[in-house]
Amino acid sequence: MVRVKSRYLLCEVNVSDRSRLLLLDDRAIAAAVKATVARIHGDYGAALCSIRFSVKYLNAHTGIVFLRFPKKCYKLLWSALPFITSIETRGHKIPCFLNCLHVGGTIRTCQKFLVRYNTQQLHRIIPKCKNEEEKQEVRKAILNCCLQGRNREAFQEESDSGEDKE
């Protein structure tokens, strides 16, 4: 028996007004991607894209999207993403673009990359805090939402040693 090979694209939906992200749903993103592939690559691209293409995950608060499609046509789909300029959903046309962050063979590898990416983004936010109270609030929020048990203590030690260097 042969396993069906798929690729997963981890994308970020970028909009000028973050509150408009809450209007997005997976069907609207799938329709926008399929329409763009059909516009850029014609009937051949539309046929390849429609075989096993799906939106596996959408976080409307952060704008993170996982797209699944056959392995043989991932370059075709990937090349069409920059041409998405807006997504039509619920009677609203949301101007946006998709930023591809990672291409993976499994959802798990995309999730691991997303954790590393979010950690890097949070470490970029901490130096921009205006005072020590804001830094402590960000650190506390990070610890409360993502780390448990022994990992929390390791992160605390890491952040304490990072403060000593500053």
C-alpha atoms as a PDB file:
ATOM      1  CA  MET A   1       0.000   0.000   0.000  1.00  0.00           C
ATOM      2  CA  VAL A   2       1.329   3.447  -0.915  1.00  0.00           C
ATOM      3  CA  ARG A   3       1.007   6.442   1.347  1.00  0.00           C
ATOM      4  CA  VAL A   4      -0.463   9.595  -0.154  1.00  0.00           C
ATOM      5  CA  LYS A   5       2.128  12.360   0.103  1.00  0.00           C
ATOM      6  CA  SER A   6       1.025  15.860   0.964  1.00  0.00           C
ATOM      7  CA  ARG A   7       2.694  19.166   1.696  1.00  0.00           C
ATOM      8  CA  TYR A   8       1.599  21.725   4.239  1.00  0.00           C
ATOM      9  CA  LEU A   9       2.127  25.452   3.839  1.00  0.00           C
ATOM     10  CA  LEU A  10       2.196  27.526   7.001  1.00  0.00           C
ATOM     11  CA  CYS A  11       1.044  31.004   6.007  1.00  0.00           C
ATOM     12  CA  GLU A  12       0.337  34.237   7.789  1.00  0.00           C
ATOM     13  CA  VAL A  13      -2.510  36.461   6.605  1.00  0.00           C
ATOM     14  CA  ASN A  14      -1.370  40.098   6.760  1.00  0.00           C
ATOM     15  CA  VAL A  15      -3.999  42.815   6.917  1.00  0.00           C
ATOM     16  CA  SER A  16      -3.765  46.519   7.702  1.00  0.00           C
ATOM     17  CA  ASP A  17      -6.600  46.374  10.265  1.00  0.00           C
ATOM     18  CA  ARG A  18      -6.147  43.417  12.659  1.00  0.00           C
ATOM     19  CA  SER A  19      -9.839  43.456  13.647  1.00  0.00           C
ATOM     20  CA  ARG A  20     -10.749  42.382  10.086  1.00  0.00           C
ATOM     21  CA  LEU A  21      -9.013  39.035  10.681  1.00  0.00           C
ATOM     22  CA  LEU A  22     -11.977  37.903  12.766  1.00  0.00           C
ATOM     23  CA  LEU A  23     -14.146  37.970   9.634  1.00  0.00           C
ATOM     24  CA  LEU A  24     -12.045  35.282   7.931  1.00  0.00           C
ATOM     25  CA  ASP A  25     -13.146  31.672   7.630  1.00  0.00           C
ATOM     26  CA  ASP A  26     -11.518  28.632   6.028  1.00  0.00           C
ATOM     27  CA  ARG A  27     -13.931  28.446   3.082  1.00  0.00           C
ATOM     28  CA  ALA A  28     -13.162  32.039   2.078  1.00  0.00           C
ATOM     29  CA  ILE A  29      -9.413  31.419   2.165  1.00  0.00           C
ATOM     30  CA  ALA A  30      -9.773  28.187   0.177  1.00  0.00           C
ATOM     31  CA  ALA A  31     -11.906  29.952  -2.432  1.00  0.00           C
ATOM     32  CA  ALA A  32      -9.398  32.817  -2.730  1.00  0.00           C
ATOM     33  CA  VAL A  33      -6.471  30.420  -3.148  1.00  0.00           C
ATOM     34  CA  LYS A  34      -8.297  28.289  -5.736  1.00  0.00           C
ATOM     35  CA  ALA A  35      -9.400  31.355  -7.705  1.00  0.00           C
ATOM     36  CA  THR A  36      -5.873  32.765  -7.721  1.00  0.00           C
ATOM     37  CA  VAL A  37      -4.335  29.474  -8.839  1.00  0.00           C
ATOM     38  CA  ALA A  38      -6.917  29.266 -11.630  1.00  0.00           C
ATOM     39  CA  ARG A  39      -6.190  32.863 -12.669  1.00  0.00           C
ATOM     40  CA  ILE A  40      -2.397  32.434 -12.659  1.00  0.00           C
ATOM     41  CA  HIS A  41      -1.997  28.828 -13.884  1.00  0.00           C
ATOM     42  CA  GLY A  42      -5.221  28.284 -15.839  1.00  0.00           C
ATOM     43  CA  ASP A  43      -7.321  25.136 -15.966  1.00  0.00           C
ATOM     44  CA  TYR A  44      -4.335  22.863 -15.358  1.00  0.00           C
ATOM     45  CA  GLY A  45      -3.486  24.618 -12.084  1.00  0.00           C
ATOM     46  CA  ALA A  46      -7.125  24.713 -11.008  1.00  0.00           C
ATOM     47  CA  ALA A  47      -7.493  20.969 -11.631  1.00  0.00           C
ATOM     48  CA  LEU A  48      -4.326  20.108  -9.690  1.00  0.00           C
ATOM     49  CA  CYS A  49      -5.310  22.399  -6.851  1.00  0.00           C
ATOM     50  CA  SER A  50      -8.804  20.972  -6.508  1.00  0.00           C
ATOM     51  CA  ILE A  51      -7.726  17.335  -6.069  1.00  0.00           C
ATOM     52  CA  ARG A  52      -6.739  17.239  -2.369  1.00  0.00           C
ATOM     53  CA  PHE A  53      -6.413  20.894  -1.444  1.00  0.00           C
ATOM     54  CA  SER A  54      -7.830  21.969   1.917  1.00  0.00           C
ATOM     55  CA  VAL A  55      -7.408  24.520   4.661  1.00  0.00           C
ATOM     56  CA  LYS A  56      -6.506  22.396   7.671  1.00  0.00           C
ATOM     57  CA  TYR A  57      -6.267  25.135  10.288  1.00  0.00           C
ATOM     58  CA  LEU A  58      -7.135  28.815  10.593  1.00  0.00           C
ATOM     59  CA  ASN A  59      -6.558  30.983  13.625  1.00  0.00           C
ATOM     60  CA  ALA A  60      -8.558  34.134  12.978  1.00  0.00           C
ATOM     61  CA  HIS A  61      -6.962  35.942  15.936  1.00  0.00           C
ATOM     62  CA  THR A  62      -3.370  35.559  14.754  1.00  0.00           C
ATOM     63  CA  GLY A  63      -3.962  35.066  11.023  1.00  0.00           C
ATOM     64  CA  ILE A  64      -2.122  31.722  10.867  1.00  0.00           C
ATOM     65  CA  VAL A  65      -3.292  29.274   8.169  1.00  0.00           C
ATOM     66  CA  PHE A  66      -2.233  25.695   7.342  1.00  0.00           C
ATOM     67  CA  LEU A  67      -2.865  24.726   3.716  1.00  0.00           C
ATOM     68  CA  ARG A  68      -2.670  21.067   2.619  1.00  0.00           C
ATOM     69  CA  PHE A  69      -2.201  19.974  -0.993  1.00  0.00           C
ATOM     70  CA  PRO A  70      -0.586  17.172  -3.019  1.00  0.00           C
ATOM     71  CA  LYS A  71       3.188  17.003  -2.960  1.00  0.00           C
ATOM     72  CA  LYS A  72       3.517  17.153  -6.737  1.00  0.00           C
ATOM     73  CA  CYS A  73       1.854  20.565  -7.058  1.00  0.00           C
ATOM     74  CA  TYR A  74       3.124  22.509  -4.043  1.00  0.00           C
ATOM     75  CA  LYS A  75       5.352  24.770  -6.153  1.00  0.00           C
ATOM     76  CA  LEU A  76       2.411  25.616  -8.376  1.00  0.00           C
ATOM     77  CA  LEU A  77       0.289  26.665  -5.409  1.00  0.00           C
ATOM     78  CA  TRP A  78       3.178  28.395  -3.657  1.00  0.00           C
ATOM     79  CA  SER A  79       3.906  30.498  -6.739  1.00  0.00           C
ATOM     80  CA  ALA A  80       0.310  31.763  -6.844  1.00  0.00           C
ATOM     81  CA  LEU A  81       0.153  32.969  -3.216  1.00  0.00           C
ATOM     82  CA  PRO A  82       1.771  36.396  -3.817  1.00  0.00           C
ATOM     83  CA  PHE A  83      -1.052  37.252  -6.224  1.00  0.00           C
ATOM     84  CA  ILE A  84      -3.740  37.056  -3.532  1.00  0.00           C
ATOM     85  CA  THR A  85      -4.600  40.691  -2.783  1.00  0.00           C
ATOM     86  CA  SER A  86      -7.957  40.307  -1.056  1.00  0.00           C
ATOM     87  CA  ILE A  87     -10.292  37.701   0.404  1.00  0.00           C
ATOM     88  CA  GLU A  88     -14.053  37.980   0.046  1.00  0.00           C
ATOM     89  CA  THR A  89     -16.008  36.688   3.048  1.00  0.00           C
ATOM     90  CA  ARG A  90     -19.432  37.410   4.529  1.00  0.00           C
ATOM     91  CA  GLY A  91     -20.065  40.223   2.088  1.00  0.00           C
ATOM     92  CA  HIS A  92     -16.805  41.991   2.964  1.00  0.00           C
ATOM     93  CA  LYS A  93     -13.749  42.290   0.778  1.00  0.00           C
ATOM     94  CA  ILE A  94     -10.697  42.177   3.053  1.00  0.00           C
ATOM     95  CA  PRO A  95      -7.499  43.530   1.451  1.00  0.00           C
ATOM     96  CA  CYS A  96      -4.637  41.287   2.530  1.00  0.00           C
ATOM     97  CA  PHE A  97      -1.714  39.190   1.396  1.00  0.00           C
ATOM     98  CA  LEU A  98      -0.416  35.774   2.425  1.00  0.00           C
ATOM     99  CA  ASN A  99       3.109  35.456   3.750  1.00  0.00           C
ATOM    100  CA  CYS A 100       4.439  31.884   3.488  1.00  0.00           C
ATOM    101  CA  LEU A 101       6.425  31.067   6.635  1.00  0.00           C
ATOM    102  CA  HIS A 102       7.194  27.358   6.199  1.00  0.00           C
ATOM    103  CA  VAL A 103       6.659  24.372   3.904  1.00  0.00           C
ATOM    104  CA  GLY A 104       6.493  21.032   5.688  1.00  0.00           C
ATOM    105  CA  GLY A 105       5.742  17.402   5.014  1.00  0.00           C
ATOM    106  CA  THR A 106       3.546  16.999   8.099  1.00  0.00           C
ATOM    107  CA  ILE A 107       1.378  19.181  10.282  1.00  0.00           C
ATOM    108  CA  ARG A 108       3.646  18.351  13.199  1.00  0.00           C
ATOM    109  CA  THR A 109       6.727  19.895  11.574  1.00  0.00           C
ATOM    110  CA  CYS A 110       4.699  23.015  10.792  1.00  0.00           C
ATOM    111  CA  GLN A 111       3.536  23.193  14.414  1.00  0.00           C
ATOM    112  CA  LYS A 112       7.113  22.895  15.666  1.00  0.00           C
ATOM    113  CA  PHE A 113       8.197  25.670  13.325  1.00  0.00           C
ATOM    114  CA  LEU A 114       5.274  27.830  14.470  1.00  0.00           C
ATOM    115  CA  VAL A 115       6.304  27.450  18.128  1.00  0.00           C
ATOM    116  CA  ARG A 116       9.880  28.510  17.288  1.00  0.00           C
ATOM    117  CA  TYR A 117       8.631  31.398  15.150  1.00  0.00           C
ATOM    118  CA  ASN A 118       6.295  32.691  17.879  1.00  0.00           C
ATOM    119  CA  THR A 119       9.069  32.416  20.461  1.00  0.00           C
ATOM    120  CA  GLN A 120      11.353  34.513  18.263  1.00  0.00           C
ATOM    121  CA  GLN A 121       8.623  37.105  17.789  1.00  0.00           C
ATOM    122  CA  LEU A 122       8.032  37.328  21.539  1.00  0.00           C
ATOM    123  CA  HIS A 123      11.747  37.768  22.179  1.00  0.00           C
ATOM    124  CA  ARG A 124      11.660  40.672  19.717  1.00  0.00           C
ATOM    125  CA  ILE A 125       8.770  42.247  21.631  1.00  0.00           C
ATOM    126  CA  ILE A 126      10.430  42.176  25.064  1.00  0.00           C
ATOM    127  CA  PRO A 127      13.221  44.702  24.261  1.00  0.00           C
ATOM    128  CA  LYS A 128      10.588  47.110  22.898  1.00  0.00           C
ATOM    129  CA  CYS A 129       8.791  47.258  26.254  1.00  0.00           C
ATOM    130  CA  LYS A 130       8.970  50.701  27.839  1.00  0.00           C
ATOM    131  CA  ASN A 131       9.588  49.689  31.443  1.00  0.00           C
ATOM    132  CA  GLU A 132      10.333  46.682  33.619  1.00  0.00           C
ATOM    133  CA  GLU A 133       6.665  46.171  34.533  1.00  0.00           C
ATOM    134  CA  GLU A 134       5.705  45.634  30.892  1.00  0.00           C
ATOM    135  CA  LYS A 135       8.574  43.169  30.452  1.00  0.00           C
ATOM    136  CA  GLN A 136       7.414  41.209  33.501  1.00  0.00           C
ATOM    137  CA  GLU A 137       3.808  41.177  32.212  1.00  0.00           C
ATOM    138  CA  VAL A 138       4.923  39.813  28.832  1.00  0.00           C
ATOM    139  CA  ARG A 139       7.078  37.138  30.499  1.00  0.00           C
ATOM    140  CA  LYS A 140       4.241  36.184  32.831  1.00  0.00           C
ATOM    141  CA  ALA A 141       1.812  35.919  29.903  1.00  0.00           C
ATOM    142  CA  ILE A 142       4.285  33.721  28.017  1.00  0.00           C
ATOM    143  CA  LEU A 143       4.749  31.411  30.994  1.00  0.00           C
ATOM    144  CA  ASN A 144       1.029  31.152  31.729  1.00  0.00           C
ATOM    145  CA  CYS A 145      -0.039  30.247  28.226  1.00  0.00           C
ATOM    146  CA  CYS A 146       2.597  27.906  26.863  1.00  0.00           C
ATOM    147  CA  LEU A 147       4.956  26.364  29.393  1.00  0.00           C
ATOM    148  CA  GLN A 148       4.240  23.854  32.111  1.00  0.00           C
ATOM    149  CA  GLY A 149       6.295  22.025  34.698  1.00  0.00           C
ATOM    150  CA  ARG A 150      10.008  21.625  34.131  1.00  0.00           C
ATOM    151  CA  ASN A 151      10.031  23.652  30.894  1.00  0.00           C
ATOM    152  CA  ARG A 152       8.751  26.678  32.822  1.00  0.00           C
ATOM    153  CA  GLU A 153      11.691  26.518  35.245  1.00  0.00           C
ATOM    154  CA  ALA A 154      14.174  26.152  32.363  1.00  0.00           C
ATOM    155  CA  PHE A 155      12.658  29.181  30.616  1.00  0.00           C
ATOM    156  CA  GLN A 156      12.753  31.172  33.864  1.00  0.00           C
ATOM    157  CA  GLU A 157      16.451  30.342  34.331  1.00  0.00           C
ATOM    158  CA  GLU A 158      17.136  31.280  30.692  1.00  0.00           C
ATOM    159  CA  SER A 159      15.344  34.623  31.007  1.00  0.00           C
ATOM    160  CA  ASP A 160      17.109  35.380  34.310  1.00  0.00           C
ATOM    161  CA  SER A 161      20.523  34.691  32.775  1.00  0.00           C
ATOM    162  CA  GLY A 162      19.566  36.870  29.776  1.00  0.00           C
ATOM    163  CA  GLU A 163      18.800  39.774  32.146  1.00  0.00           C
ATOM    164  CA  ASP A 164      22.232  39.468  33.747  1.00  0.00           C
ATOM    165  CA  LYS A 165      23.902  40.015  30.372  1.00  0.00           C
ATOM    166  CA  GLU A 166      22.014  43.277  29.712  1.00  0.00           C
END
